Amino acid sequence: MDNTKKALIYGSFGVGIALLLRGHRTAAMTLGGVALATLATEYPQQFENLWRDTPEFIEKSSRIVNSVIELVDRLSEQGKRLTA
């Protein structure tokens, strides 16, 4: 990857994070999109693989979140029983 692309990617991410921390969400997302688009032009096959596998990642993440919610609910119920 050439240095100008690296500078564009790092600069976009860096400034985007700074803008996000300052509350400028729209500008931050725009710069994040610029950085991701630049990365996609450099590594198209990896992004295609990621795009193809995204539904599987979402499904696994959803299962993990649901398991954590169930665990927290059970712990909360146990805590209520102990304090009652």
PDB file of N, CA and C in Angstrom:
ATOM      1  N   MET A   1       0.855  -1.172   0.000  1.00  0.00           N
ATOM      2  CA  MET A   1       0.000   0.000   0.000  1.00  0.00           C
ATOM      3  C   MET A   1       0.900   1.233   0.000  1.00  0.00           C
ATOM      4  N   ASP A   2       0.561   2.157  -0.810  1.00  0.00           N
ATOM      5  CA  ASP A   2       1.390   3.350  -0.926  1.00  0.00           C
ATOM      6  C   ASP A   2       1.128   4.323   0.238  1.00  0.00           C
ATOM      7  N   ASN A   3       2.101   5.170   0.506  1.00  0.00           N
ATOM      8  CA  ASN A   3       2.058   6.036   1.692  1.00  0.00           C
ATOM      9  C   ASN A   3       0.889   7.016   1.689  1.00  0.00           C
ATOM     10  N   THR A   4       0.463   7.468   0.505  1.00  0.00           N
ATOM     11  CA  THR A   4      -0.654   8.406   0.475  1.00  0.00           C
ATOM     12  C   THR A   4      -1.949   7.729   0.914  1.00  0.00           C
ATOM     13  N   LYS A   5      -2.130   6.458   0.531  1.00  0.00           N
ATOM     14  CA  LYS A   5      -3.326   5.726   0.977  1.00  0.00           C
ATOM     15  C   LYS A   5      -3.276   5.499   2.481  1.00  0.00           C
ATOM     16  N   LYS A   6      -2.094   5.148   2.996  1.00  0.00           N
ATOM     17  CA  LYS A   6      -1.952   4.965   4.446  1.00  0.00           C
ATOM     18  C   LYS A   6      -2.292   6.257   5.177  1.00  0.00           C
ATOM     19  N   ALA A   7      -1.782   7.368   4.679  1.00  0.00           N
ATOM     20  CA  ALA A   7      -2.055   8.663   5.318  1.00  0.00           C
ATOM     21  C   ALA A   7      -3.544   8.982   5.275  1.00  0.00           C
ATOM     22  N   LEU A   8      -4.190   8.703   4.138  1.00  0.00           N
ATOM     23  CA  LEU A   8      -5.624   8.951   4.011  1.00  0.00           C
ATOM     24  C   LEU A   8      -6.417   8.092   4.997  1.00  0.00           C
ATOM     25  N   ILE A   9      -6.061   6.824   5.095  1.00  0.00           N
ATOM     26  CA  ILE A   9      -6.779   5.912   5.998  1.00  0.00           C
ATOM     27  C   ILE A   9      -6.580   6.326   7.449  1.00  0.00           C
ATOM     28  N   TYR A  10      -5.326   6.463   7.868  1.00  0.00           N
ATOM     29  CA  TYR A  10      -5.056   6.816   9.266  1.00  0.00           C
ATOM     30  C   TYR A  10      -5.603   8.195   9.615  1.00  0.00           C
ATOM     31  N   GLY A  11      -5.438   9.136   8.697  1.00  0.00           N
ATOM     32  CA  GLY A  11      -5.951  10.483   8.940  1.00  0.00           C
ATOM     33  C   GLY A  11      -7.469  10.505   9.058  1.00  0.00           C
ATOM     34  N   SER A  12      -8.136   9.784   8.166  1.00  0.00           N
ATOM     35  CA  SER A  12      -9.601   9.744   8.214  1.00  0.00           C
ATOM     36  C   SER A  12     -10.098   9.115   9.500  1.00  0.00           C
ATOM     37  N   PHE A  13      -9.494   7.991   9.879  1.00  0.00           N
ATOM     38  CA  PHE A  13      -9.892   7.355  11.131  1.00  0.00           C
ATOM     39  C   PHE A  13      -9.591   8.249  12.337  1.00  0.00           C
ATOM     40  N   GLY A  14      -8.409   8.839  12.352  1.00  0.00           N
ATOM     41  CA  GLY A  14      -8.020   9.680  13.485  1.00  0.00           C
ATOM     42  C   GLY A  14      -8.913  10.896  13.651  1.00  0.00           C
ATOM     43  N   VAL A  15      -9.115  11.618  12.572  1.00  0.00           N
ATOM     44  CA  VAL A  15      -9.968  12.807  12.629  1.00  0.00           C
ATOM     45  C   VAL A  15     -11.417  12.398  12.894  1.00  0.00           C
ATOM     46  N   GLY A  16     -11.830  11.269  12.319  1.00  0.00           N
ATOM     47  CA  GLY A  16     -13.185  10.775  12.566  1.00  0.00           C
ATOM     48  C   GLY A  16     -13.423  10.473  14.036  1.00  0.00           C
ATOM     49  N   ILE A  17     -12.450   9.843  14.685  1.00  0.00           N
ATOM     50  CA  ILE A  17     -12.574   9.555  16.119  1.00  0.00           C
ATOM     51  C   ILE A  17     -12.628  10.846  16.923  1.00  0.00           C
ATOM     52  N   ALA A  18     -11.765  11.799  16.569  1.00  0.00           N
ATOM     53  CA  ALA A  18     -11.776  13.086  17.270  1.00  0.00           C
ATOM     54  C   ALA A  18     -13.125  13.778  17.115  1.00  0.00           C
ATOM     55  N   LEU A  19     -13.679  13.754  15.913  1.00  0.00           N
ATOM     56  CA  LEU A  19     -14.984  14.380  15.685  1.00  0.00           C
ATOM     57  C   LEU A  19     -16.093  13.645  16.440  1.00  0.00           C
ATOM     58  N   LEU A  20     -16.001  12.323  16.486  1.00  0.00           N
ATOM     59  CA  LEU A  20     -16.998  11.548  17.218  1.00  0.00           C
ATOM     60  C   LEU A  20     -16.959  11.891  18.706  1.00  0.00           C
ATOM     61  N   LEU A  21     -15.769  12.032  19.255  1.00  0.00           N
ATOM     62  CA  LEU A  21     -15.631  12.388  20.671  1.00  0.00           C
ATOM     63  C   LEU A  21     -16.149  13.797  20.955  1.00  0.00           C
ATOM     64  N   ARG A  22     -16.098  14.663  19.961  1.00  0.00           N
ATOM     65  CA  ARG A  22     -16.589  16.036  20.131  1.00  0.00           C
ATOM     66  C   ARG A  22     -18.081  16.159  19.836  1.00  0.00           C
ATOM     67  N   GLY A  23     -18.704  15.055  19.416  1.00  0.00           N
ATOM     68  CA  GLY A  23     -20.136  15.071  19.185  1.00  0.00           C
ATOM     69  C   GLY A  23     -20.569  15.307  17.752  1.00  0.00           C
ATOM     70  N   HIS A  24     -19.647  15.336  16.828  1.00  0.00           N
ATOM     71  CA  HIS A  24     -19.967  15.554  15.411  1.00  0.00           C
ATOM     72  C   HIS A  24     -20.112  14.196  14.723  1.00  0.00           C
ATOM     73  N   ARG A  25     -21.212  13.537  15.017  1.00  0.00           N
ATOM     74  CA  ARG A  25     -21.421  12.154  14.577  1.00  0.00           C
ATOM     75  C   ARG A  25     -21.458  12.015  13.058  1.00  0.00           C
ATOM     76  N   THR A  26     -22.148  12.886  12.362  1.00  0.00           N
ATOM     77  CA  THR A  26     -22.287  12.771  10.907  1.00  0.00           C
ATOM     78  C   THR A  26     -20.940  12.904  10.206  1.00  0.00           C
ATOM     79  N   ALA A  27     -20.172  13.890  10.594  1.00  0.00           N
ATOM     80  CA  ALA A  27     -18.850  14.083   9.989  1.00  0.00           C
ATOM     81  C   ALA A  27     -17.930  12.909  10.307  1.00  0.00           C
ATOM     82  N   ALA A  28     -18.026  12.380  11.527  1.00  0.00           N
ATOM     83  CA  ALA A  28     -17.193  11.248  11.919  1.00  0.00           C
ATOM     84  C   ALA A  28     -17.530  10.017  11.082  1.00  0.00           C
ATOM     85  N   MET A  29     -18.814   9.766  10.875  1.00  0.00           N
ATOM     86  CA  MET A  29     -19.220   8.608  10.068  1.00  0.00           C
ATOM     87  C   MET A  29     -18.789   8.774   8.610  1.00  0.00           C
ATOM     88  N   THR A  30     -18.834   9.994   8.120  1.00  0.00           N
ATOM     89  CA  THR A  30     -18.399  10.256   6.746  1.00  0.00           C
ATOM     90  C   THR A  30     -16.915   9.942   6.589  1.00  0.00           C
ATOM     91  N   LEU A  31     -16.105  10.409   7.523  1.00  0.00           N
ATOM     92  CA  LEU A  31     -14.668  10.134   7.449  1.00  0.00           C
ATOM     93  C   LEU A  31     -14.374   8.653   7.649  1.00  0.00           C
ATOM     94  N   GLY A  32     -15.132   7.988   8.502  1.00  0.00           N
ATOM     95  CA  GLY A  32     -14.974   6.544   8.648  1.00  0.00           C
ATOM     96  C   GLY A  32     -15.285   5.823   7.353  1.00  0.00           C
ATOM     97  N   GLY A  33     -16.312   6.289   6.643  1.00  0.00           N
ATOM     98  CA  GLY A  33     -16.654   5.712   5.353  1.00  0.00           C
ATOM     99  C   GLY A  33     -15.552   5.921   4.319  1.00  0.00           C
ATOM    100  N   VAL A  34     -14.927   7.086   4.352  1.00  0.00           N
ATOM    101  CA  VAL A  34     -13.811   7.359   3.439  1.00  0.00           C
ATOM    102  C   VAL A  34     -12.668   6.388   3.708  1.00  0.00           C
ATOM    103  N   ALA A  35     -12.356   6.191   4.979  1.00  0.00           N
ATOM    104  CA  ALA A  35     -11.277   5.272   5.334  1.00  0.00           C
ATOM    105  C   ALA A  35     -11.607   3.842   4.911  1.00  0.00           C
ATOM    106  N   LEU A  36     -12.839   3.404   5.157  1.00  0.00           N
ATOM    107  CA  LEU A  36     -13.222   2.051   4.768  1.00  0.00           C
ATOM    108  C   LEU A  36     -13.241   1.879   3.252  1.00  0.00           C
ATOM    109  N   ALA A  37     -13.703   2.885   2.531  1.00  0.00           N
ATOM    110  CA  ALA A  37     -13.705   2.805   1.067  1.00  0.00           C
ATOM    111  C   ALA A  37     -12.287   2.707   0.526  1.00  0.00           C
ATOM    112  N   THR A  38     -11.371   3.444   1.131  1.00  0.00           N
ATOM    113  CA  THR A  38      -9.977   3.385   0.711  1.00  0.00           C
ATOM    114  C   THR A  38      -9.393   2.009   0.991  1.00  0.00           C
ATOM    115  N   LEU A  39      -9.703   1.455   2.160  1.00  0.00           N
ATOM    116  CA  LEU A  39      -9.249   0.098   2.467  1.00  0.00           C
ATOM    117  C   LEU A  39      -9.845  -0.918   1.494  1.00  0.00           C
ATOM    118  N   ALA A  40     -11.097  -0.740   1.136  1.00  0.00           N
ATOM    119  CA  ALA A  40     -11.760  -1.674   0.221  1.00  0.00           C
ATOM    120  C   ALA A  40     -11.109  -1.660  -1.163  1.00  0.00           C
ATOM    121  N   THR A  41     -10.627  -0.492  -1.599  1.00  0.00           N
ATOM    122  CA  THR A  41      -9.957  -0.451  -2.902  1.00  0.00           C
ATOM    123  C   THR A  41      -8.615  -1.166  -2.856  1.00  0.00           C
ATOM    124  N   GLU A  42      -8.005  -1.194  -1.692  1.00  0.00           N
ATOM    125  CA  GLU A  42      -6.702  -1.848  -1.552  1.00  0.00           C
ATOM    126  C   GLU A  42      -6.840  -3.356  -1.348  1.00  0.00           C
ATOM    127  N   TYR A  43      -7.881  -3.789  -0.644  1.00  0.00           N
ATOM    128  CA  TYR A  43      -8.074  -5.204  -0.324  1.00  0.00           C
ATOM    129  C   TYR A  43      -9.492  -5.655  -0.705  1.00  0.00           C
ATOM    130  N   PRO A  44      -9.822  -5.689  -1.988  1.00  0.00           N
ATOM    131  CA  PRO A  44     -11.201  -6.004  -2.382  1.00  0.00           C
ATOM    132  C   PRO A  44     -11.630  -7.434  -2.022  1.00  0.00           C
ATOM    133  N   GLN A  45     -10.735  -8.402  -2.118  1.00  0.00           N
ATOM    134  CA  GLN A  45     -11.108  -9.789  -1.827  1.00  0.00           C
ATOM    135  C   GLN A  45     -11.461  -9.963  -0.353  1.00  0.00           C
ATOM    136  N   GLN A  46     -10.698  -9.356   0.555  1.00  0.00           N
ATOM    137  CA  GLN A  46     -10.987  -9.463   1.982  1.00  0.00           C
ATOM    138  C   GLN A  46     -12.330  -8.826   2.317  1.00  0.00           C
ATOM    139  N   PHE A  47     -12.635  -7.690   1.697  1.00  0.00           N
ATOM    140  CA  PHE A  47     -13.920  -7.039   1.957  1.00  0.00           C
ATOM    141  C   PHE A  47     -15.078  -7.851   1.385  1.00  0.00           C
ATOM    142  N   GLU A  48     -14.848  -8.500   0.248  1.00  0.00           N
ATOM    143  CA  GLU A  48     -15.886  -9.361  -0.308  1.00  0.00           C
ATOM    144  C   GLU A  48     -16.157 -10.536   0.623  1.00  0.00           C
ATOM    145  N   ASN A  49     -15.102 -11.128   1.168  1.00  0.00           N
ATOM    146  CA  ASN A  49     -15.267 -12.222   2.137  1.00  0.00           C
ATOM    147  C   ASN A  49     -16.000 -11.752   3.386  1.00  0.00           C
ATOM    148  N   LEU A  50     -15.629 -10.594   3.872  1.00  0.00           N
ATOM    149  CA  LEU A  50     -16.285 -10.039   5.060  1.00  0.00           C
ATOM    150  C   LEU A  50     -17.763  -9.790   4.789  1.00  0.00           C
ATOM    151  N   TRP A  51     -18.075  -9.232   3.637  1.00  0.00           N
ATOM    152  CA  TRP A  51     -19.465  -8.959   3.267  1.00  0.00           C
ATOM    153  C   TRP A  51     -20.269 -10.255   3.184  1.00  0.00           C
ATOM    154  N   ARG A  52     -19.663 -11.286   2.630  1.00  0.00           N
ATOM    155  CA  ARG A  52     -20.332 -12.572   2.488  1.00  0.00           C
ATOM    156  C   ARG A  52     -20.575 -13.225   3.849  1.00  0.00           C
ATOM    157  N   ASP A  53     -19.635 -13.073   4.780  1.00  0.00           N
ATOM    158  CA  ASP A  53     -19.724 -13.735   6.087  1.00  0.00           C
ATOM    159  C   ASP A  53     -20.450 -12.911   7.145  1.00  0.00           C
ATOM    160  N   THR A  54     -20.832 -11.685   6.833  1.00  0.00           N
ATOM    161  CA  THR A  54     -21.473 -10.804   7.807  1.00  0.00           C
ATOM    162  C   THR A  54     -22.733 -11.396   8.434  1.00  0.00           C
ATOM    163  N   PRO A  55     -23.646 -12.006   7.672  1.00  0.00           N
ATOM    164  CA  PRO A  55     -24.840 -12.579   8.319  1.00  0.00           C
ATOM    165  C   PRO A  55     -24.505 -13.633   9.384  1.00  0.00           C
ATOM    166  N   GLU A  56     -23.485 -14.426   9.131  1.00  0.00           N
ATOM    167  CA  GLU A  56     -23.063 -15.420  10.123  1.00  0.00           C
ATOM    168  C   GLU A  56     -22.528 -14.744  11.386  1.00  0.00           C
ATOM    169  N   PHE A  57     -21.732 -13.692  11.213  1.00  0.00           N
ATOM    170  CA  PHE A  57     -21.212 -12.957  12.367  1.00  0.00           C
ATOM    171  C   PHE A  57     -22.345 -12.356  13.187  1.00  0.00           C
ATOM    172  N   ILE A  58     -23.333 -11.798  12.505  1.00  0.00           N
ATOM    173  CA  ILE A  58     -24.465 -11.187  13.201  1.00  0.00           C
ATOM    174  C   ILE A  58     -25.247 -12.236  13.973  1.00  0.00           C
ATOM    175  N   GLU A  59     -25.456 -13.404  13.368  1.00  0.00           N
ATOM    176  CA  GLU A  59     -26.180 -14.486  14.041  1.00  0.00           C
ATOM    177  C   GLU A  59     -25.443 -14.943  15.300  1.00  0.00           C
ATOM    178  N   LYS A  60     -24.138 -15.140  15.194  1.00  0.00           N
ATOM    179  CA  LYS A  60     -23.352 -15.564  16.362  1.00  0.00           C
ATOM    180  C   LYS A  60     -23.373 -14.489  17.444  1.00  0.00           C
ATOM    181  N   SER A  61     -23.228 -13.237  17.047  1.00  0.00           N
ATOM    182  CA  SER A  61     -23.253 -12.134  18.016  1.00  0.00           C
ATOM    183  C   SER A  61     -24.602 -12.054  18.704  1.00  0.00           C
ATOM    184  N   SER A  62     -25.657 -12.254  17.958  1.00  0.00           N
ATOM    185  CA  SER A  62     -27.005 -12.224  18.521  1.00  0.00           C
ATOM    186  C   SER A  62     -27.181 -13.324  19.564  1.00  0.00           C
ATOM    187  N   ARG A  63     -26.683 -14.517  19.266  1.00  0.00           N
ATOM    188  CA  ARG A  63     -26.772 -15.618  20.238  1.00  0.00           C
ATOM    189  C   ARG A  63     -26.001 -15.301  21.512  1.00  0.00           C
ATOM    190  N   ILE A  64     -24.832 -14.706  21.357  1.00  0.00           N
ATOM    191  CA  ILE A  64     -24.022 -14.361  22.534  1.00  0.00           C
ATOM    192  C   ILE A  64     -24.741 -13.315  23.380  1.00  0.00           C
ATOM    193  N   VAL A  65     -25.280 -12.287  22.746  1.00  0.00           N
ATOM    194  CA  VAL A  65     -25.985 -11.234  23.479  1.00  0.00           C
ATOM    195  C   VAL A  65     -27.199 -11.814  24.200  1.00  0.00           C
ATOM    196  N   ASN A  66     -27.955 -12.676  23.537  1.00  0.00           N
ATOM    197  CA  ASN A  66     -29.119 -13.297  24.177  1.00  0.00           C
ATOM    198  C   ASN A  66     -28.717 -14.154  25.371  1.00  0.00           C
ATOM    199  N   SER A  67     -27.602 -14.873  25.261  1.00  0.00           N
ATOM    200  CA  SER A  67     -27.111 -15.684  26.381  1.00  0.00           C
ATOM    201  C   SER A  67     -26.718 -14.808  27.562  1.00  0.00           C
ATOM    202  N   VAL A  68     -26.064 -13.691  27.288  1.00  0.00           N
ATOM    203  CA  VAL A  68     -25.663 -12.771  28.356  1.00  0.00           C
ATOM    204  C   VAL A  68     -26.896 -12.171  29.023  1.00  0.00           C
ATOM    205  N   ILE A  69     -27.900 -11.817  28.239  1.00  0.00           N
ATOM    206  CA  ILE A  69     -29.140 -11.262  28.804  1.00  0.00           C
ATOM    207  C   ILE A  69     -29.807 -12.283  29.717  1.00  0.00           C
ATOM    208  N   GLU A  70     -29.865 -13.537  29.275  1.00  0.00           N
ATOM    209  CA  GLU A  70     -30.461 -14.586  30.108  1.00  0.00           C
ATOM    210  C   GLU A  70     -29.679 -14.771  31.404  1.00  0.00           C
ATOM    211  N   LEU A  71     -28.350 -14.731  31.319  1.00  0.00           N
ATOM    212  CA  LEU A  71     -27.515 -14.869  32.505  1.00  0.00           C
ATOM    213  C   LEU A  71     -27.752 -13.722  33.478  1.00  0.00           C
ATOM    214  N   VAL A  72     -27.816 -12.504  32.970  1.00  0.00           N
ATOM    215  CA  VAL A  72     -28.056 -11.341  33.829  1.00  0.00           C
ATOM    216  C   VAL A  72     -29.429 -11.432  34.479  1.00  0.00           C
ATOM    217  N   ASP A  73     -30.416 -11.879  33.726  1.00  0.00           N
ATOM    218  CA  ASP A  73     -31.757 -12.046  34.297  1.00  0.00           C
ATOM    219  C   ASP A  73     -31.751 -13.066  35.425  1.00  0.00           C
ATOM    220  N   ARG A  74     -31.070 -14.188  35.208  1.00  0.00           N
ATOM    221  CA  ARG A  74     -31.003 -15.215  36.258  1.00  0.00           C
ATOM    222  C   ARG A  74     -30.272 -14.705  37.497  1.00  0.00           C
ATOM    223  N   LEU A  75     -29.164 -14.000  37.275  1.00  0.00           N
ATOM    224  CA  LEU A  75     -28.426 -13.450  38.413  1.00  0.00           C
ATOM    225  C   LEU A  75     -29.260 -12.424  39.162  1.00  0.00           C
ATOM    226  N   SER A  76     -29.994 -11.618  38.444  1.00  0.00           N
ATOM    227  CA  SER A  76     -30.862 -10.631  39.069  1.00  0.00           C
ATOM    228  C   SER A  76     -31.945 -11.318  39.916  1.00  0.00           C
ATOM    229  N   GLU A  77     -32.513 -12.357  39.366  1.00  0.00           N
ATOM    230  CA  GLU A  77     -33.533 -13.114  40.107  1.00  0.00           C
ATOM    231  C   GLU A  77     -32.948 -13.759  41.368  1.00  0.00           C
ATOM    232  N   GLN A  78     -31.760 -14.313  41.264  1.00  0.00           N
ATOM    233  CA  GLN A  78     -31.099 -14.904  42.427  1.00  0.00           C
ATOM    234  C   GLN A  78     -30.806 -13.829  43.476  1.00  0.00           C
ATOM    235  N   GLY A  79     -30.394 -12.654  43.035  1.00  0.00           N
ATOM    236  CA  GLY A  79     -30.114 -11.570  43.955  1.00  0.00           C
ATOM    237  C   GLY A  79     -31.363 -11.118  44.696  1.00  0.00           C
ATOM    238  N   LYS A  80     -32.485 -11.078  43.992  1.00  0.00           N
ATOM    239  CA  LYS A  80     -33.766 -10.717  44.645  1.00  0.00           C
ATOM    240  C   LYS A  80     -34.158 -11.753  45.678  1.00  0.00           C
ATOM    241  N   ARG A  81     -33.932 -13.026  45.373  1.00  0.00           N
ATOM    242  CA  ARG A  81     -34.279 -14.088  46.327  1.00  0.00           C
ATOM    243  C   ARG A  81     -33.411 -14.015  47.585  1.00  0.00           C
ATOM    244  N   LEU A  82     -32.140 -13.692  47.408  1.00  0.00           N
ATOM    245  CA  LEU A  82     -31.229 -13.629  48.548  1.00  0.00           C
ATOM    246  C   LEU A  82     -31.537 -12.433  49.457  1.00  0.00           C
ATOM    247  N   THR A  83     -31.960 -11.326  48.879  1.00  0.00           N
ATOM    248  CA  THR A  83     -32.235 -10.138  49.681  1.00  0.00           C
ATOM    249  C   THR A  83     -33.637 -10.159  50.292  1.00  0.00           C
ATOM    250  N   ALA A  84     -34.512 -11.025  49.801  1.00  0.00           N
ATOM    251  CA  ALA A  84     -35.886 -11.074  50.313  1.00  0.00           C
ATOM    252  C   ALA A  84     -36.000 -11.892  51.576  1.00  0.00           C
TER     253      ALA A  84
END
